Structure formats: structure tokens, C-alpha cells
Amino acid sequence: MARVRNNQGHRSKILNVFMRPFLEQENTQEREAFLQGREIIKPLQDKTWKLAEKIVRRHYTDADVKMAYHLQNKFENVDTIAKDSCFHFGYLAKADDENNDKNEDNYVTQHFDFRLDGNINGSENSRQNDFAYAYFRDELKGKINKGEKCNPDINIEQKWGNGSGEENQSNPHWTQVDQANERELGLTGGKDNQTSYAREWNNDYQLDLIGREYCRDRQLGCDQKEFAILMTWQQAKSKLIMAHTKWIETILEQCKVLKAGLRDHVYLEQSIDMCKKMGITITETDILATTSKGIVVSNQDILNHLASLKNKTQTREQKILARQIYDQAQK
């Protein structure tokens, strides 16, 4: 048989469809750190949420909440209570406290957001998707949303690719993938229109709070020990993002080396041989029958699609017969 010459399409499929998934399944220190960080985060968040609820209820008791709802339901011009998931907690650090670097009385405060896209840096007015992409990486990987392939690693790839350490938000590809990720997770459409993962996550972390809409109007006091526990949880979310980033960056570095090697292969068999040496078993047929998105399309699939486009008109009797055959098959 004639040797199949390599081309850019073949090289791209070998790298992205076969090599990269193989690298992502390897048991490395970076991957293990990511998996461990992801495993502990939900139990830690649940535990920290119970503490947050305890602090809030010291300020807004159950009796207060009941009275607020009573007044709000009684008077049309009263709008004083709503559910919220983020809070400003703080404590007064005394001048002689061991951890007080200022050596004077100082009120320490921080914004804590328990929502899926809550900012982990204490900012009240900005959203952040990095944690959601890391935690729900497996759920996003390979999903297609409105024709666009989701990619939970897109932010890391953009930062790594442009060398600036920030996403290039003017990049149309980044924008499309980021939007597909958000739609799949249910992060778009506002808090009243969230679906799927975001809705289920956020519904677990809501409290009735009295006051105006913005949580900065509710400065809630706690003690230093409680504040430290809240910070530990917030830092754990940051560590998960960092572990995700470090792991994927090692994958991207390896892919860069492999891409350079594939570029030198004139014939497809050379690339297949390199895959075999890595432990990946593929054939020319696997490569030729696979799309750039990793979808295998057979000749029969194409012929079936063509058949579905023909002879669309059915009589009423044909539709009844088809339904009877379907019902019998189900039984």
C-alpha cells in the first residue's frame, strides 16, 4: 500500500484527539494535586457555610426574619428582606494581637461569596469563572453547547498562549468558548434564570437577610477564629484554581514539544510510531475517520443521514404502522 503523506489536519487530530487526552489521564503529581484539591472543596464549603449561617443568625435572628417577612407581606411599600449568598464579615484586631502587623486597633473585613461564580479575591462587584471551570471540569469536557465545544481549560490556554497572564477577551475563539461554558454550567441569564449546575450549587447556599440589596450594607461581625476559618475556605478555592492551572500548563508544555515533533513527520506512519512509543495505540483508519473535534464519522453514518433526507412524506397509515412497530419493539 502507498504510504500516506502527513498534513496539518492529520497532525492536529493526532495531537488534540489522541495525544492530549492520553497526557491528561497520566498519573502525575500535578494531576493528583488538582484531584485532591477538588475532592475536599465541597465538604469544606458546606462546613464553612454552616459557620456563615451561625454568624448571620446572631445578627438577624429567626424572629427578626419572621417579623421582616410579616411586614413585607403586610405593606406594599416595605421591601426589606431577600435571600443572599455573599457577606461582609469582619473583626476588630487589637494592637497587641499576634497577627496584627499595623500595631494598632484595626477592623479587618473581607467579602465572602458562596456562589459558583463568586469572586475569590474579596471583590463584591465582579464574577469569576475559574473556580467553576476547575470544579466542573469533567462535566464540561467534550460537551457541545449550541454548536460550540466547551473547554474548561480555555482561560489557562489563553493566558499561557499569549504570555501575558491574562485572558485575551478580544479573541473571538475565547469569547465563544467561554460563553459555551457559561451556558452549559448555567452561569448566564442572571441569578433568576440559572439552570443546571449553577442553580443546584447556588440553591444550597442562600440565607434570608434583612437590609438593602447590596451586601456591603451588611457588615457582620465575627471573631478572629471564625474569620480565619472563612479565609481558609476561600484560600482553598484559590488553591484549586492554581492546581488546575499548573496541571494544564504542564500538558500544554508537553503538547508544544509534541507539536514540533509532529511537524517533522513527512508520513503518517511516523506519527503513528511516535504514538505507539508513548503507549497510544492508533491506526491510520482511526486518524482518517476522526474529525478535528474527536468525532468518529463512518461511511454508514453518512449514508444513514442521506437516507433521512429522502422520502419524507408519509401517509397516515404509514405513521400508524411505524408507531405500532416501535411500541412492539419497546415491549
C-alpha atoms as a PDB file:
ATOM      1  CA  MET A   1       0.000   0.000   0.000  1.00  0.00           C
ATOM      2  CA  ALA A   2       1.151   3.529  -0.719  1.00  0.00           C
ATOM      3  CA  ARG A   3       2.463   5.496   2.236  1.00  0.00           C
ATOM      4  CA  VAL A   4       0.033   8.166   3.399  1.00  0.00           C
ATOM      5  CA  ARG A   5       1.613  11.592   3.469  1.00  0.00           C
ATOM      6  CA  ASN A   6       1.118  13.655   6.569  1.00  0.00           C
ATOM      7  CA  ASN A   7      -0.612  17.024   6.549  1.00  0.00           C
ATOM      8  CA  GLN A   8      -1.649  19.703   9.006  1.00  0.00           C
ATOM      9  CA  GLY A   9      -5.077  18.176   9.529  1.00  0.00           C
ATOM     10  CA  HIS A  10      -3.619  14.775  10.431  1.00  0.00           C
ATOM     11  CA  ARG A  11      -1.076  16.294  12.789  1.00  0.00           C
ATOM     12  CA  SER A  12      -3.739  18.382  14.521  1.00  0.00           C
ATOM     13  CA  LYS A  13      -6.007  15.367  15.059  1.00  0.00           C
ATOM     14  CA  ILE A  14      -3.168  13.209  16.375  1.00  0.00           C
ATOM     15  CA  LEU A  15      -2.144  15.900  18.851  1.00  0.00           C
ATOM     16  CA  ASN A  16      -5.535  17.091  20.065  1.00  0.00           C
ATOM     17  CA  VAL A  17      -7.729  13.996  19.705  1.00  0.00           C
ATOM     18  CA  PHE A  18      -5.276  11.279  20.758  1.00  0.00           C
ATOM     19  CA  MET A  19      -2.128  12.645  22.417  1.00  0.00           C
ATOM     20  CA  ARG A  20      -3.548  15.338  24.688  1.00  0.00           C
ATOM     21  CA  PRO A  21      -6.318  13.143  26.202  1.00  0.00           C
ATOM     22  CA  PHE A  22      -3.658  10.500  26.829  1.00  0.00           C
ATOM     23  CA  LEU A  23      -1.458  13.032  28.652  1.00  0.00           C
ATOM     24  CA  GLU A  24      -4.418  14.235  30.720  1.00  0.00           C
ATOM     25  CA  GLN A  25      -5.028  10.682  32.002  1.00  0.00           C
ATOM     26  CA  GLU A  26      -1.439  10.146  33.156  1.00  0.00           C
ATOM     27  CA  ASN A  27      -0.968   9.946  36.920  1.00  0.00           C
ATOM     28  CA  THR A  28       1.278  12.908  37.642  1.00  0.00           C
ATOM     29  CA  GLN A  29       1.884  14.965  40.775  1.00  0.00           C
ATOM     30  CA  GLU A  30       0.176  17.952  39.176  1.00  0.00           C
ATOM     31  CA  ARG A  31      -2.933  15.968  38.260  1.00  0.00           C
ATOM     32  CA  GLU A  32      -3.114  14.383  41.711  1.00  0.00           C
ATOM     33  CA  ALA A  33      -2.856  17.797  43.404  1.00  0.00           C
ATOM     34  CA  PHE A  34      -5.742  19.020  41.276  1.00  0.00           C
ATOM     35  CA  LEU A  35      -7.917  15.967  42.022  1.00  0.00           C
ATOM     36  CA  GLN A  36      -7.254  16.197  45.763  1.00  0.00           C
ATOM     37  CA  GLY A  37      -7.997  19.928  45.809  1.00  0.00           C
ATOM     38  CA  ARG A  38     -11.273  19.355  44.006  1.00  0.00           C
ATOM     39  CA  GLU A  39     -12.296  16.484  46.276  1.00  0.00           C
ATOM     40  CA  ILE A  40     -12.062  18.472  49.514  1.00  0.00           C
ATOM     41  CA  ILE A  41     -13.674  21.707  48.348  1.00  0.00           C
ATOM     42  CA  LYS A  42     -17.394  20.817  48.529  1.00  0.00           C
ATOM     43  CA  PRO A  43     -17.278  19.335  52.075  1.00  0.00           C
ATOM     44  CA  LEU A  44     -15.192  22.331  53.160  1.00  0.00           C
ATOM     45  CA  GLN A  45     -17.675  24.765  51.628  1.00  0.00           C
ATOM     46  CA  ASP A  46     -20.622  23.008  53.334  1.00  0.00           C
ATOM     47  CA  LYS A  47     -18.842  23.187  56.689  1.00  0.00           C
ATOM     48  CA  THR A  48     -17.914  26.849  56.205  1.00  0.00           C
ATOM     49  CA  TRP A  49     -21.461  27.676  55.133  1.00  0.00           C
ATOM     50  CA  LYS A  50     -22.788  26.387  58.461  1.00  0.00           C
ATOM     51  CA  LEU A  51     -20.401  28.783  60.205  1.00  0.00           C
ATOM     52  CA  ALA A  52     -21.551  31.660  57.977  1.00  0.00           C
ATOM     53  CA  GLU A  53     -25.163  30.856  58.782  1.00  0.00           C
ATOM     54  CA  LYS A  54     -24.340  30.846  62.500  1.00  0.00           C
ATOM     55  CA  ILE A  55     -22.719  34.295  62.249  1.00  0.00           C
ATOM     56  CA  VAL A  56     -25.595  35.734  60.232  1.00  0.00           C
ATOM     57  CA  ARG A  57     -28.248  34.414  62.610  1.00  0.00           C
ATOM     58  CA  ARG A  58     -26.503  36.099  65.535  1.00  0.00           C
ATOM     59  CA  HIS A  59     -27.285  39.405  63.803  1.00  0.00           C
ATOM     60  CA  TYR A  60     -30.560  38.545  62.081  1.00  0.00           C
ATOM     61  CA  THR A  61     -32.366  36.079  64.296  1.00  0.00           C
ATOM     62  CA  ASP A  62     -35.127  33.769  63.124  1.00  0.00           C
ATOM     63  CA  ALA A  63     -37.590  36.019  64.953  1.00  0.00           C
ATOM     64  CA  ASP A  64     -36.249  39.064  63.108  1.00  0.00           C
ATOM     65  CA  VAL A  65     -36.605  37.285  59.756  1.00  0.00           C
ATOM     66  CA  LYS A  66     -40.152  36.215  60.568  1.00  0.00           C
ATOM     67  CA  MET A  67     -41.101  39.778  61.521  1.00  0.00           C
ATOM     68  CA  ALA A  68     -39.471  41.209  58.386  1.00  0.00           C
ATOM     69  CA  TYR A  69     -41.447  38.854  56.158  1.00  0.00           C
ATOM     70  CA  HIS A  70     -44.613  39.752  58.079  1.00  0.00           C
ATOM     71  CA  LEU A  71     -44.089  43.464  57.464  1.00  0.00           C
ATOM     72  CA  GLN A  72     -43.105  42.956  53.838  1.00  0.00           C
ATOM     73  CA  ASN A  73     -46.220  40.908  53.153  1.00  0.00           C
ATOM     74  CA  LYS A  74     -48.434  43.350  55.015  1.00  0.00           C
ATOM     75  CA  PHE A  75     -47.277  46.639  53.473  1.00  0.00           C
ATOM     76  CA  GLU A  76     -46.748  47.214  49.762  1.00  0.00           C
ATOM     77  CA  ASN A  77     -44.055  49.858  50.333  1.00  0.00           C
ATOM     78  CA  VAL A  78     -41.878  47.601  52.514  1.00  0.00           C
ATOM     79  CA  ASP A  79     -39.120  45.696  50.724  1.00  0.00           C
ATOM     80  CA  THR A  80     -36.602  44.794  53.371  1.00  0.00           C
ATOM     81  CA  ILE A  81     -35.724  41.113  53.141  1.00  0.00           C
ATOM     82  CA  ALA A  82     -34.302  38.834  50.460  1.00  0.00           C
ATOM     83  CA  LYS A  83     -32.115  35.794  50.011  1.00  0.00           C
ATOM     84  CA  ASP A  84     -28.385  36.259  49.586  1.00  0.00           C
ATOM     85  CA  SER A  85     -25.240  34.166  49.290  1.00  0.00           C
ATOM     86  CA  CYS A  86     -22.440  36.648  49.954  1.00  0.00           C
ATOM     87  CA  PHE A  87     -21.491  38.615  53.037  1.00  0.00           C
ATOM     88  CA  HIS A  88     -19.019  41.075  54.508  1.00  0.00           C
ATOM     89  CA  PHE A  89     -17.573  39.544  57.686  1.00  0.00           C
ATOM     90  CA  GLY A  90     -15.047  41.268  59.882  1.00  0.00           C
ATOM     91  CA  TYR A  91     -13.495  41.571  63.343  1.00  0.00           C
ATOM     92  CA  LEU A  92     -11.596  44.182  65.344  1.00  0.00           C
ATOM     93  CA  ALA A  93      -7.899  43.324  65.510  1.00  0.00           C
ATOM     94  CA  LYS A  94      -6.389  44.791  68.660  1.00  0.00           C
ATOM     95  CA  ALA A  95      -2.999  46.439  68.601  1.00  0.00           C
ATOM     96  CA  ASP A  96      -1.464  43.661  70.693  1.00  0.00           C
ATOM     97  CA  ASP A  97      -2.850  40.807  68.567  1.00  0.00           C
ATOM     98  CA  GLU A  98      -0.110  38.479  67.369  1.00  0.00           C
ATOM     99  CA  ASN A  99      -1.190  38.687  63.699  1.00  0.00           C
ATOM    100  CA  ASN A 100      -1.816  42.445  63.626  1.00  0.00           C
ATOM    101  CA  ASP A 101       1.011  43.928  61.541  1.00  0.00           C
ATOM    102  CA  LYS A 102      -0.225  47.511  61.981  1.00  0.00           C
ATOM    103  CA  ASN A 103       0.344  47.548  65.772  1.00  0.00           C
ATOM    104  CA  GLU A 104      -2.868  49.500  66.271  1.00  0.00           C
ATOM    105  CA  ASP A 105      -6.553  48.714  66.535  1.00  0.00           C
ATOM    106  CA  ASN A 106      -7.699  47.793  63.054  1.00  0.00           C
ATOM    107  CA  TYR A 107     -11.005  46.465  61.706  1.00  0.00           C
ATOM    108  CA  VAL A 108     -10.293  43.539  59.361  1.00  0.00           C
ATOM    109  CA  THR A 109     -13.045  42.760  56.861  1.00  0.00           C
ATOM    110  CA  GLN A 110     -13.469  40.601  53.786  1.00  0.00           C
ATOM    111  CA  HIS A 111     -16.192  39.806  51.267  1.00  0.00           C
ATOM    112  CA  PHE A 112     -17.103  36.088  51.075  1.00  0.00           C
ATOM    113  CA  ASP A 113     -19.183  34.797  48.156  1.00  0.00           C
ATOM    114  CA  PHE A 114     -20.523  31.225  48.214  1.00  0.00           C
ATOM    115  CA  ARG A 115     -21.968  31.228  44.679  1.00  0.00           C
ATOM    116  CA  LEU A 116     -20.438  29.085  41.954  1.00  0.00           C
ATOM    117  CA  ASP A 117     -19.023  32.098  40.114  1.00  0.00           C
ATOM    118  CA  GLY A 118     -18.316  34.117  43.247  1.00  0.00           C
ATOM    119  CA  ASN A 119     -15.108  36.145  43.235  1.00  0.00           C
ATOM    120  CA  ILE A 120     -12.420  34.619  45.457  1.00  0.00           C
ATOM    121  CA  ASN A 121     -10.460  37.853  45.835  1.00  0.00           C
ATOM    122  CA  GLY A 122     -12.948  39.661  48.034  1.00  0.00           C
ATOM    123  CA  SER A 123     -14.455  41.742  45.229  1.00  0.00           C
ATOM    124  CA  GLU A 124     -18.191  42.259  45.516  1.00  0.00           C
ATOM    125  CA  ASN A 125     -18.877  43.594  42.049  1.00  0.00           C
ATOM    126  CA  SER A 126     -17.162  41.058  39.793  1.00  0.00           C
ATOM    127  CA  ARG A 127     -17.828  37.466  38.840  1.00  0.00           C
ATOM    128  CA  GLN A 128     -15.209  34.781  38.295  1.00  0.00           C
ATOM    129  CA  ASN A 129     -15.473  31.532  36.326  1.00  0.00           C
ATOM    130  CA  ASP A 130     -12.108  29.926  37.056  1.00  0.00           C
ATOM    131  CA  PHE A 131     -13.362  28.028  40.108  1.00  0.00           C
ATOM    132  CA  ALA A 132     -16.463  26.760  38.280  1.00  0.00           C
ATOM    133  CA  TYR A 133     -14.355  25.578  35.341  1.00  0.00           C
ATOM    134  CA  ALA A 134     -11.967  23.737  37.659  1.00  0.00           C
ATOM    135  CA  TYR A 135     -14.624  22.097  39.828  1.00  0.00           C
ATOM    136  CA  PHE A 136     -16.880  21.035  36.943  1.00  0.00           C
ATOM    137  CA  ARG A 137     -14.040  20.268  34.520  1.00  0.00           C
ATOM    138  CA  ASP A 138     -15.195  16.687  33.862  1.00  0.00           C
ATOM    139  CA  GLU A 139     -18.772  17.825  33.245  1.00  0.00           C
ATOM    140  CA  LEU A 140     -17.655  20.461  30.714  1.00  0.00           C
ATOM    141  CA  LYS A 141     -15.008  18.455  28.887  1.00  0.00           C
ATOM    142  CA  GLY A 142     -16.163  17.468  25.413  1.00  0.00           C
ATOM    143  CA  LYS A 143     -19.669  18.925  25.730  1.00  0.00           C
ATOM    144  CA  ILE A 144     -21.178  20.761  22.747  1.00  0.00           C
ATOM    145  CA  ASN A 145     -23.421  23.733  23.558  1.00  0.00           C
ATOM    146  CA  LYS A 146     -25.246  25.415  20.673  1.00  0.00           C
ATOM    147  CA  GLY A 147     -22.670  24.131  18.200  1.00  0.00           C
ATOM    148  CA  GLU A 148     -19.643  25.289  20.217  1.00  0.00           C
ATOM    149  CA  LYS A 149     -17.369  22.838  22.000  1.00  0.00           C
ATOM    150  CA  CYS A 150     -16.955  23.568  25.705  1.00  0.00           C
ATOM    151  CA  ASN A 151     -13.444  23.767  27.106  1.00  0.00           C
ATOM    152  CA  PRO A 152     -12.886  24.138  30.873  1.00  0.00           C
ATOM    153  CA  ASP A 153      -9.200  24.885  30.253  1.00  0.00           C
ATOM    154  CA  ILE A 154      -9.814  27.829  27.915  1.00  0.00           C
ATOM    155  CA  ASN A 155      -8.745  30.563  30.367  1.00  0.00           C
ATOM    156  CA  ILE A 156      -5.491  28.757  31.140  1.00  0.00           C
ATOM    157  CA  GLU A 157      -4.774  28.159  27.458  1.00  0.00           C
ATOM    158  CA  GLN A 158      -5.343  31.825  26.618  1.00  0.00           C
ATOM    159  CA  LYS A 159      -3.090  33.078  29.420  1.00  0.00           C
ATOM    160  CA  TRP A 160      -0.397  30.538  28.570  1.00  0.00           C
ATOM    161  CA  GLY A 161      -0.617  31.211  24.845  1.00  0.00           C
ATOM    162  CA  ASN A 162      -0.305  34.990  24.916  1.00  0.00           C
ATOM    163  CA  GLY A 163       2.252  35.078  27.725  1.00  0.00           C
ATOM    164  CA  SER A 164       0.539  37.996  29.467  1.00  0.00           C
ATOM    165  CA  GLY A 165      -1.004  36.029  32.331  1.00  0.00           C
ATOM    166  CA  GLU A 166      -4.455  37.357  31.403  1.00  0.00           C
ATOM    167  CA  GLU A 167      -7.223  36.192  29.078  1.00  0.00           C
ATOM    168  CA  ASN A 168      -7.372  37.935  25.728  1.00  0.00           C
ATOM    169  CA  GLN A 169     -11.040  38.895  25.849  1.00  0.00           C
ATOM    170  CA  SER A 170     -10.872  40.369  22.335  1.00  0.00           C
ATOM    171  CA  ASN A 171     -10.151  36.888  20.990  1.00  0.00           C
ATOM    172  CA  PRO A 172     -13.346  35.642  19.258  1.00  0.00           C
ATOM    173  CA  HIS A 173     -12.456  31.994  19.941  1.00  0.00           C
ATOM    174  CA  TRP A 174     -12.044  32.655  23.678  1.00  0.00           C
ATOM    175  CA  THR A 175     -15.340  34.559  23.750  1.00  0.00           C
ATOM    176  CA  GLN A 176     -17.298  31.797  22.002  1.00  0.00           C
ATOM    177  CA  VAL A 177     -15.886  29.002  24.165  1.00  0.00           C
ATOM    178  CA  ASP A 178     -16.300  30.994  27.376  1.00  0.00           C
ATOM    179  CA  GLN A 179     -19.943  31.643  26.520  1.00  0.00           C
ATOM    180  CA  ALA A 180     -20.496  27.956  25.733  1.00  0.00           C
ATOM    181  CA  ASN A 181     -19.001  27.034  29.114  1.00  0.00           C
ATOM    182  CA  GLU A 182     -21.242  29.515  30.902  1.00  0.00           C
ATOM    183  CA  ARG A 183     -24.350  28.259  29.123  1.00  0.00           C
ATOM    184  CA  GLU A 184     -23.506  24.638  29.943  1.00  0.00           C
ATOM    185  CA  LEU A 185     -22.973  25.446  33.627  1.00  0.00           C
ATOM    186  CA  GLY A 186     -25.975  27.770  33.790  1.00  0.00           C
ATOM    187  CA  LEU A 187     -23.980  30.860  34.715  1.00  0.00           C
ATOM    188  CA  THR A 188     -25.689  33.124  32.179  1.00  0.00           C
ATOM    189  CA  GLY A 189     -29.036  34.861  32.370  1.00  0.00           C
ATOM    190  CA  GLY A 190     -28.827  36.323  35.865  1.00  0.00           C
ATOM    191  CA  LYS A 191     -29.496  34.775  39.249  1.00  0.00           C
ATOM    192  CA  ASP A 192     -33.188  34.219  38.490  1.00  0.00           C
ATOM    193  CA  ASN A 193     -32.520  32.372  35.235  1.00  0.00           C
ATOM    194  CA  GLN A 194     -29.742  29.979  36.200  1.00  0.00           C
ATOM    195  CA  THR A 195     -30.018  26.350  35.242  1.00  0.00           C
ATOM    196  CA  SER A 196     -28.221  23.074  35.748  1.00  0.00           C
ATOM    197  CA  TYR A 197     -25.036  23.100  37.816  1.00  0.00           C
ATOM    198  CA  ALA A 198     -25.118  26.759  38.892  1.00  0.00           C
ATOM    199  CA  ARG A 199     -28.708  26.594  40.109  1.00  0.00           C
ATOM    200  CA  GLU A 200     -28.169  23.385  42.078  1.00  0.00           C
ATOM    201  CA  TRP A 201     -24.970  24.743  43.603  1.00  0.00           C
ATOM    202  CA  ASN A 202     -26.309  28.185  44.494  1.00  0.00           C
ATOM    203  CA  ASN A 203     -29.567  26.867  45.948  1.00  0.00           C
ATOM    204  CA  ASP A 204     -27.549  25.148  48.682  1.00  0.00           C
ATOM    205  CA  TYR A 205     -26.125  28.479  49.851  1.00  0.00           C
ATOM    206  CA  GLN A 206     -28.869  31.032  50.452  1.00  0.00           C
ATOM    207  CA  LEU A 207     -29.974  32.842  53.585  1.00  0.00           C
ATOM    208  CA  ASP A 208     -32.774  35.278  54.338  1.00  0.00           C
ATOM    209  CA  LEU A 209     -31.127  38.624  55.086  1.00  0.00           C
ATOM    210  CA  ILE A 210     -32.608  41.918  56.216  1.00  0.00           C
ATOM    211  CA  GLY A 211     -31.430  45.122  54.616  1.00  0.00           C
ATOM    212  CA  ARG A 212     -30.855  46.651  51.231  1.00  0.00           C
ATOM    213  CA  GLU A 213     -29.888  44.714  48.118  1.00  0.00           C
ATOM    214  CA  TYR A 214     -26.113  45.185  48.306  1.00  0.00           C
ATOM    215  CA  CYS A 215     -24.266  43.064  50.812  1.00  0.00           C
ATOM    216  CA  ARG A 216     -21.757  45.831  51.605  1.00  0.00           C
ATOM    217  CA  ASP A 217     -24.601  47.448  53.521  1.00  0.00           C
ATOM    218  CA  ARG A 218     -24.490  44.475  55.903  1.00  0.00           C
ATOM    219  CA  GLN A 219     -21.174  44.450  57.739  1.00  0.00           C
ATOM    220  CA  LEU A 220     -21.424  41.432  60.036  1.00  0.00           C
ATOM    221  CA  GLY A 221     -19.054  40.997  62.933  1.00  0.00           C
ATOM    222  CA  CYS A 222     -17.377  37.722  63.814  1.00  0.00           C
ATOM    223  CA  ASP A 223     -14.437  36.727  65.981  1.00  0.00           C
ATOM    224  CA  GLN A 224     -10.879  36.233  64.782  1.00  0.00           C
ATOM    225  CA  LYS A 225     -11.085  32.422  64.828  1.00  0.00           C
ATOM    226  CA  GLU A 226     -14.253  32.407  62.745  1.00  0.00           C
ATOM    227  CA  PHE A 227     -12.682  34.826  60.282  1.00  0.00           C
ATOM    228  CA  ALA A 228      -9.653  32.520  59.924  1.00  0.00           C
ATOM    229  CA  ILE A 229     -11.926  29.566  59.088  1.00  0.00           C
ATOM    230  CA  LEU A 230     -13.680  31.618  56.402  1.00  0.00           C
ATOM    231  CA  MET A 231     -10.329  32.637  54.935  1.00  0.00           C
ATOM    232  CA  THR A 232      -9.142  29.012  54.883  1.00  0.00           C
ATOM    233  CA  TRP A 233     -12.161  28.058  52.767  1.00  0.00           C
ATOM    234  CA  GLN A 234     -11.664  30.987  50.397  1.00  0.00           C
ATOM    235  CA  GLN A 235      -7.974  30.144  50.034  1.00  0.00           C
ATOM    236  CA  ALA A 236      -8.847  26.503  49.267  1.00  0.00           C
ATOM    237  CA  LYS A 237     -10.864  27.682  46.265  1.00  0.00           C
ATOM    238  CA  SER A 238      -7.867  29.705  45.128  1.00  0.00           C
ATOM    239  CA  LYS A 239      -5.564  26.693  45.574  1.00  0.00           C
ATOM    240  CA  LEU A 240      -7.864  24.565  43.409  1.00  0.00           C
ATOM    241  CA  ILE A 241      -7.653  27.154  40.627  1.00  0.00           C
ATOM    242  CA  MET A 242      -3.875  27.224  40.965  1.00  0.00           C
ATOM    243  CA  ALA A 243      -3.640  23.405  40.899  1.00  0.00           C
ATOM    244  CA  HIS A 244      -5.829  23.293  37.787  1.00  0.00           C
ATOM    245  CA  THR A 245      -3.648  25.924  36.144  1.00  0.00           C
ATOM    246  CA  LYS A 246      -0.352  24.245  36.998  1.00  0.00           C
ATOM    247  CA  TRP A 247      -1.547  20.843  35.772  1.00  0.00           C
ATOM    248  CA  ILE A 248      -2.868  22.102  32.433  1.00  0.00           C
ATOM    249  CA  GLU A 249       0.262  24.201  31.883  1.00  0.00           C
ATOM    250  CA  THR A 250       2.363  21.015  32.095  1.00  0.00           C
ATOM    251  CA  ILE A 251       0.056  19.445  29.496  1.00  0.00           C
ATOM    252  CA  LEU A 252       0.414  22.469  27.210  1.00  0.00           C
ATOM    253  CA  GLU A 253       4.202  22.396  27.522  1.00  0.00           C
ATOM    254  CA  GLN A 254       4.257  18.719  26.530  1.00  0.00           C
ATOM    255  CA  CYS A 255       1.896  19.381  23.626  1.00  0.00           C
ATOM    256  CA  LYS A 256       4.218  22.126  22.428  1.00  0.00           C
ATOM    257  CA  VAL A 257       7.117  19.647  22.249  1.00  0.00           C
ATOM    258  CA  LEU A 258       4.941  17.014  20.537  1.00  0.00           C
ATOM    259  CA  LYS A 259       3.637  19.534  18.018  1.00  0.00           C
ATOM    260  CA  ALA A 260       7.209  20.381  17.000  1.00  0.00           C
ATOM    261  CA  GLY A 261       7.967  16.668  16.586  1.00  0.00           C
ATOM    262  CA  LEU A 262       4.861  16.010  14.502  1.00  0.00           C
ATOM    263  CA  ARG A 263       5.783  18.890  12.203  1.00  0.00           C
ATOM    264  CA  ASP A 264       8.871  16.961  11.091  1.00  0.00           C
ATOM    265  CA  HIS A 265       6.935  13.815  10.156  1.00  0.00           C
ATOM    266  CA  VAL A 266       6.503  13.565   6.394  1.00  0.00           C
ATOM    267  CA  TYR A 267       4.463  10.355   6.516  1.00  0.00           C
ATOM    268  CA  LEU A 268       1.537   9.417   8.732  1.00  0.00           C
ATOM    269  CA  GLU A 269       3.231   6.203   9.826  1.00  0.00           C
ATOM    270  CA  GLN A 270       5.972   8.224  11.528  1.00  0.00           C
ATOM    271  CA  SER A 271       3.423   9.953  13.747  1.00  0.00           C
ATOM    272  CA  ILE A 272       1.669   6.659  14.474  1.00  0.00           C
ATOM    273  CA  ASP A 273       5.009   5.148  15.501  1.00  0.00           C
ATOM    274  CA  MET A 274       5.627   8.002  17.935  1.00  0.00           C
ATOM    275  CA  CYS A 275       2.158   7.437  19.424  1.00  0.00           C
ATOM    276  CA  LYS A 276       2.918   3.754  19.936  1.00  0.00           C
ATOM    277  CA  LYS A 277       6.153   4.607  21.747  1.00  0.00           C
ATOM    278  CA  MET A 278       4.104   6.853  24.079  1.00  0.00           C
ATOM    279  CA  GLY A 279       1.686   3.978  24.743  1.00  0.00           C
ATOM    280  CA  ILE A 280      -1.109   5.171  22.433  1.00  0.00           C
ATOM    281  CA  THR A 281      -2.423   2.514  20.049  1.00  0.00           C
ATOM    282  CA  ILE A 282      -3.941   4.041  16.910  1.00  0.00           C
ATOM    283  CA  THR A 283      -4.107   3.189  13.209  1.00  0.00           C
ATOM    284  CA  GLU A 284      -4.333   5.182  10.007  1.00  0.00           C
ATOM    285  CA  THR A 285      -8.046   4.359   9.900  1.00  0.00           C
ATOM    286  CA  ASP A 286      -8.550   5.903  13.359  1.00  0.00           C
ATOM    287  CA  ILE A 287      -6.991   9.144  12.167  1.00  0.00           C
ATOM    288  CA  LEU A 288      -8.650   9.318   8.778  1.00  0.00           C
ATOM    289  CA  ALA A 289     -12.124   8.552  10.185  1.00  0.00           C
ATOM    290  CA  THR A 290     -11.917  11.103  13.014  1.00  0.00           C
ATOM    291  CA  THR A 291     -12.875  14.761  12.791  1.00  0.00           C
ATOM    292  CA  SER A 292     -10.812  17.521  14.361  1.00  0.00           C
ATOM    293  CA  LYS A 293     -13.255  17.536  17.305  1.00  0.00           C
ATOM    294  CA  GLY A 294     -12.703  13.842  18.000  1.00  0.00           C
ATOM    295  CA  ILE A 295     -15.959  12.647  16.445  1.00  0.00           C
ATOM    296  CA  VAL A 296     -15.757   9.395  14.504  1.00  0.00           C
ATOM    297  CA  VAL A 297     -17.795   9.537  11.299  1.00  0.00           C
ATOM    298  CA  SER A 298     -18.267   6.281   9.382  1.00  0.00           C
ATOM    299  CA  ASN A 299     -19.494   5.826   5.824  1.00  0.00           C
ATOM    300  CA  GLN A 300     -22.647   4.233   7.206  1.00  0.00           C
ATOM    301  CA  ASP A 301     -23.362   7.335   9.303  1.00  0.00           C
ATOM    302  CA  ILE A 302     -23.179   9.466   6.179  1.00  0.00           C
ATOM    303  CA  LEU A 303     -25.413   7.097   4.180  1.00  0.00           C
ATOM    304  CA  ASN A 304     -27.963   6.985   7.016  1.00  0.00           C
ATOM    305  CA  HIS A 305     -28.013  10.776   7.084  1.00  0.00           C
ATOM    306  CA  LEU A 306     -28.602  10.887   3.345  1.00  0.00           C
ATOM    307  CA  ALA A 307     -31.457   8.389   3.659  1.00  0.00           C
ATOM    308  CA  SER A 308     -33.099  10.545   6.317  1.00  0.00           C
ATOM    309  CA  LEU A 309     -33.266  13.429   3.856  1.00  0.00           C
ATOM    310  CA  LYS A 310     -35.246  11.432   1.296  1.00  0.00           C
ATOM    311  CA  ASN A 311     -38.851  10.245   1.081  1.00  0.00           C
ATOM    312  CA  LYS A 312     -40.032  12.436   3.923  1.00  0.00           C
ATOM    313  CA  THR A 313     -43.717  12.245   3.008  1.00  0.00           C
ATOM    314  CA  GLN A 314     -45.580   9.547   4.938  1.00  0.00           C
ATOM    315  CA  THR A 315     -49.251   8.632   4.764  1.00  0.00           C
ATOM    316  CA  ARG A 316     -51.347   8.440   7.909  1.00  0.00           C
ATOM    317  CA  GLU A 317     -51.369   4.640   7.628  1.00  0.00           C
ATOM    318  CA  GLN A 318     -47.573   4.527   7.382  1.00  0.00           C
ATOM    319  CA  LYS A 319     -47.219   6.662  10.510  1.00  0.00           C
ATOM    320  CA  ILE A 320     -49.642   4.376  12.442  1.00  0.00           C
ATOM    321  CA  LEU A 321     -47.759   1.273  11.293  1.00  0.00           C
ATOM    322  CA  ALA A 322     -44.418   2.791  12.257  1.00  0.00           C
ATOM    323  CA  ARG A 323     -45.765   3.606  15.726  1.00  0.00           C
ATOM    324  CA  GLN A 324     -47.107   0.074  16.181  1.00  0.00           C
ATOM    325  CA  ILE A 325     -43.744  -1.409  15.233  1.00  0.00           C
ATOM    326  CA  TYR A 326     -41.999   0.952  17.686  1.00  0.00           C
ATOM    327  CA  ASP A 327     -44.382   0.040  20.549  1.00  0.00           C
ATOM    328  CA  GLN A 328     -43.884  -3.681  19.932  1.00  0.00           C
ATOM    329  CA  ALA A 329     -40.112  -3.233  19.954  1.00  0.00           C
ATOM    330  CA  GLN A 330     -40.315  -1.436  23.315  1.00  0.00           C
ATOM    331  CA  LYS A 331     -42.321  -4.326  24.817  1.00  0.00           C
END
